[in-house]
Amino acid sequence: MQKHLSVITHRAGIVHINCQSGHLFWQEANLDPVVKQYAKKYLVQEGFLEKALGVLNPAPHQVPHLFPDDVLN
């Protein structure tokens, strides 16, 4: 199993996410706290944190609510 998920961000550079705990590690040591907060929010909004922790459910729902005939009408 993978220990870290690494994501390249525009301002914060490379951010590593621990797949067990969700803890974030920055490659660059002297980052502005505002940039770190921005990176945290970005990773949560884009689903990287959930992907690292394995909580995303990519499987489709068992019973679809709409059938193709319903969409065409």
Protein backbone atom coordinates (compact mmCIF):
# COMPACT_ATOMS: atom_id res chain seq x y z
CA MET A 1 0.00 0.00 0.00
CA GLN A 2 1.16 3.52 -0.77
CA LYS A 3 2.35 5.53 2.25
CA HIS A 4 2.12 9.04 0.75
CA LEU A 5 0.22 10.77 -2.03
CA SER A 6 2.23 13.63 -3.52
CA VAL A 7 0.50 16.61 -5.14
CA ILE A 8 2.14 19.52 -6.94
CA THR A 9 0.45 22.84 -6.20
CA HIS A 10 1.09 26.20 -7.79
CA ARG A 11 2.10 28.19 -4.71
CA ALA A 12 3.00 25.56 -2.11
CA GLY A 13 5.06 23.32 -4.38
CA ILE A 14 5.00 19.61 -3.61
CA VAL A 15 2.71 18.54 -0.79
CA HIS A 16 2.81 14.98 0.56
CA ILE A 17 -0.29 13.52 2.21
CA ASN A 18 0.13 10.61 4.63
CA CYS A 19 -2.32 7.90 3.50
CA GLN A 20 -2.83 6.60 7.05
CA SER A 21 -3.44 9.79 9.00
CA GLY A 22 -4.08 12.50 6.39
CA HIS A 23 -1.22 14.60 7.78
CA LEU A 24 0.30 17.05 5.29
CA PHE A 25 4.04 17.47 4.69
CA TRP A 26 5.50 20.27 2.58
CA GLN A 27 8.66 19.78 0.53
CA GLU A 28 9.60 23.44 0.98
CA ALA A 29 10.48 24.28 4.58
CA ASN A 30 9.86 28.04 4.75
CA LEU A 31 6.32 28.48 3.48
CA ASP A 32 4.06 31.34 4.45
CA PRO A 33 1.24 30.14 6.77
CA VAL A 34 -1.31 31.71 4.41
CA VAL A 35 0.04 29.62 1.52
CA LYS A 36 -0.16 26.49 3.68
CA GLN A 37 -3.78 27.24 4.56
CA TYR A 38 -4.59 27.84 0.90
CA ALA A 39 -2.99 24.51 -0.03
CA LYS A 40 -4.97 22.67 2.68
CA LYS A 41 -8.26 24.11 1.43
CA TYR A 42 -7.35 23.33 -2.18
CA LEU A 43 -6.48 19.70 -1.39
CA VAL A 44 -9.75 19.20 0.49
CA GLN A 45 -11.91 20.89 -2.18
CA GLU A 46 -10.34 18.94 -5.04
CA GLY A 47 -10.67 15.59 -3.21
CA PHE A 48 -6.97 14.80 -2.84
CA LEU A 49 -7.25 14.25 0.90
CA GLU A 50 -10.15 11.81 0.46
CA LYS A 51 -8.26 10.02 -2.30
CA ALA A 52 -5.19 9.62 -0.09
CA LEU A 53 -7.26 8.24 2.78
CA GLY A 54 -9.17 5.91 0.46
CA VAL A 55 -12.63 7.18 1.35
CA LEU A 56 -13.72 8.02 -2.19
CA ASN A 57 -16.29 5.60 -3.54
CA PRO A 58 -15.87 5.47 -7.30
CA ALA A 59 -18.44 2.69 -7.74
CA PRO A 60 -21.78 3.83 -9.18
CA HIS A 61 -24.94 3.57 -7.13
CA GLN A 62 -26.59 0.14 -7.35
CA VAL A 63 -30.02 1.44 -8.41
CA PRO A 64 -29.95 4.38 -10.82
CA HIS A 65 -32.66 6.98 -10.33
CA LEU A 66 -32.96 7.80 -14.02
CA PHE A 67 -33.19 5.38 -16.89
CA PRO A 68 -32.17 6.30 -20.45
CA ASP A 69 -35.83 6.44 -21.54
CA ASP A 70 -36.57 8.99 -18.78
CA VAL A 71 -33.74 11.27 -19.90
CA LEU A 72 -34.81 11.27 -23.57
CA ASN A 73 -38.39 12.29 -22.77
